[in-house]
Amino acid sequence: MSDADGFYPAEAYHQDFLTLNPTYPYIVYNDLPKIESLKSLFPASYRSQPVLVGKTKG
């Protein structure tokens, strides 16, 4: 294994995808249950407002 050569940010349409597409089937089926699980496991660390990468307001 070797060190990574650099960081490559995702394309703009990937940024804040869950916030922009909360009813997208993949999000509903895979991501929202994980968020709920993390919320119950780490209630003191959970925040209801997401940290956004782009200029999206959610």
C-alpha atoms as a PDB file:
ATOM      1  CA  MET A   1       0.000   0.000   0.000  1.00  0.00           C
ATOM      2  CA  SER A   2       1.246   3.495  -0.723  1.00  0.00           C
ATOM      3  CA  ASP A   3       0.267   7.039   0.182  1.00  0.00           C
ATOM      4  CA  ALA A   4      -2.330   8.753  -1.950  1.00  0.00           C
ATOM      5  CA  ASP A   5      -0.951  11.180  -4.514  1.00  0.00           C
ATOM      6  CA  GLY A   6      -3.542  13.873  -3.954  1.00  0.00           C
ATOM      7  CA  PHE A   7      -7.115  14.737  -3.227  1.00  0.00           C
ATOM      8  CA  TYR A   8      -9.632  14.938  -6.036  1.00  0.00           C
ATOM      9  CA  PRO A   9     -12.956  16.526  -5.080  1.00  0.00           C
ATOM     10  CA  ALA A  10     -16.128  14.974  -6.454  1.00  0.00           C
ATOM     11  CA  GLU A  11     -18.032  16.570  -9.279  1.00  0.00           C
ATOM     12  CA  ALA A  12     -20.384  19.390  -8.308  1.00  0.00           C
ATOM     13  CA  TYR A  13     -23.517  17.276  -8.761  1.00  0.00           C
ATOM     14  CA  HIS A  14     -22.283  14.920  -6.003  1.00  0.00           C
ATOM     15  CA  GLN A  15     -21.931  17.708  -3.439  1.00  0.00           C
ATOM     16  CA  ASP A  16     -24.725  17.793  -0.820  1.00  0.00           C
ATOM     17  CA  PHE A  17     -26.573  15.089  -2.758  1.00  0.00           C
ATOM     18  CA  LEU A  18     -28.671  13.911   0.187  1.00  0.00           C
ATOM     19  CA  THR A  19     -29.799  17.439   1.009  1.00  0.00           C
ATOM     20  CA  LEU A  20     -30.744  18.095  -2.606  1.00  0.00           C
ATOM     21  CA  ASN A  21     -32.345  14.674  -3.200  1.00  0.00           C
ATOM     22  CA  PRO A  22     -33.889  13.420   0.066  1.00  0.00           C
ATOM     23  CA  THR A  23     -36.409  11.196  -1.761  1.00  0.00           C
ATOM     24  CA  TYR A  24     -33.911   9.608  -4.152  1.00  0.00           C
ATOM     25  CA  PRO A  25     -34.401   5.821  -3.782  1.00  0.00           C
ATOM     26  CA  TYR A  26     -30.756   5.086  -2.916  1.00  0.00           C
ATOM     27  CA  ILE A  27     -30.811   7.768  -0.213  1.00  0.00           C
ATOM     28  CA  VAL A  28     -34.099   6.529   1.250  1.00  0.00           C
ATOM     29  CA  TYR A  29     -33.095   2.869   1.257  1.00  0.00           C
ATOM     30  CA  ASN A  30     -29.399   3.085   2.210  1.00  0.00           C
ATOM     31  CA  ASP A  31     -28.454   6.408   3.730  1.00  0.00           C
ATOM     32  CA  LEU A  32     -31.406   7.577   5.822  1.00  0.00           C
ATOM     33  CA  PRO A  33     -31.444   4.360   7.916  1.00  0.00           C
ATOM     34  CA  LYS A  34     -27.715   4.769   8.568  1.00  0.00           C
ATOM     35  CA  ILE A  35     -28.237   8.361   9.678  1.00  0.00           C
ATOM     36  CA  GLU A  36     -30.999   7.274  12.071  1.00  0.00           C
ATOM     37  CA  SER A  37     -28.741   4.555  13.453  1.00  0.00           C
ATOM     38  CA  LEU A  38     -25.879   6.992  14.030  1.00  0.00           C
ATOM     39  CA  LYS A  39     -28.319   9.427  15.634  1.00  0.00           C
ATOM     40  CA  SER A  40     -29.353   6.790  18.193  1.00  0.00           C
ATOM     41  CA  LEU A  41     -25.790   5.548  18.778  1.00  0.00           C
ATOM     42  CA  PHE A  42     -24.248   9.008  19.220  1.00  0.00           C
ATOM     43  CA  PRO A  43     -27.024  11.355  20.390  1.00  0.00           C
ATOM     44  CA  ALA A  44     -24.597  13.853  21.948  1.00  0.00           C
ATOM     45  CA  SER A  45     -22.711  14.236  18.661  1.00  0.00           C
ATOM     46  CA  TYR A  46     -25.717  14.337  16.340  1.00  0.00           C
ATOM     47  CA  ARG A  47     -26.707  17.641  14.790  1.00  0.00           C
ATOM     48  CA  SER A  48     -29.893  18.107  12.826  1.00  0.00           C
ATOM     49  CA  GLN A  49     -28.386  20.673  10.431  1.00  0.00           C
ATOM     50  CA  PRO A  50     -25.975  19.028   7.960  1.00  0.00           C
ATOM     51  CA  VAL A  51     -22.562  20.415   7.194  1.00  0.00           C
ATOM     52  CA  LEU A  52     -22.849  21.362   3.540  1.00  0.00           C
ATOM     53  CA  VAL A  53     -20.052  21.407   1.016  1.00  0.00           C
ATOM     54  CA  GLY A  54     -21.676  23.545  -1.636  1.00  0.00           C
ATOM     55  CA  LYS A  55     -23.851  26.594  -1.412  1.00  0.00           C
ATOM     56  CA  THR A  56     -26.951  24.447  -0.896  1.00  0.00           C
ATOM     57  CA  LYS A  57     -29.362  25.399   1.823  1.00  0.00           C
ATOM     58  CA  GLY A  58     -31.079  22.418   3.380  1.00  0.00           C
END
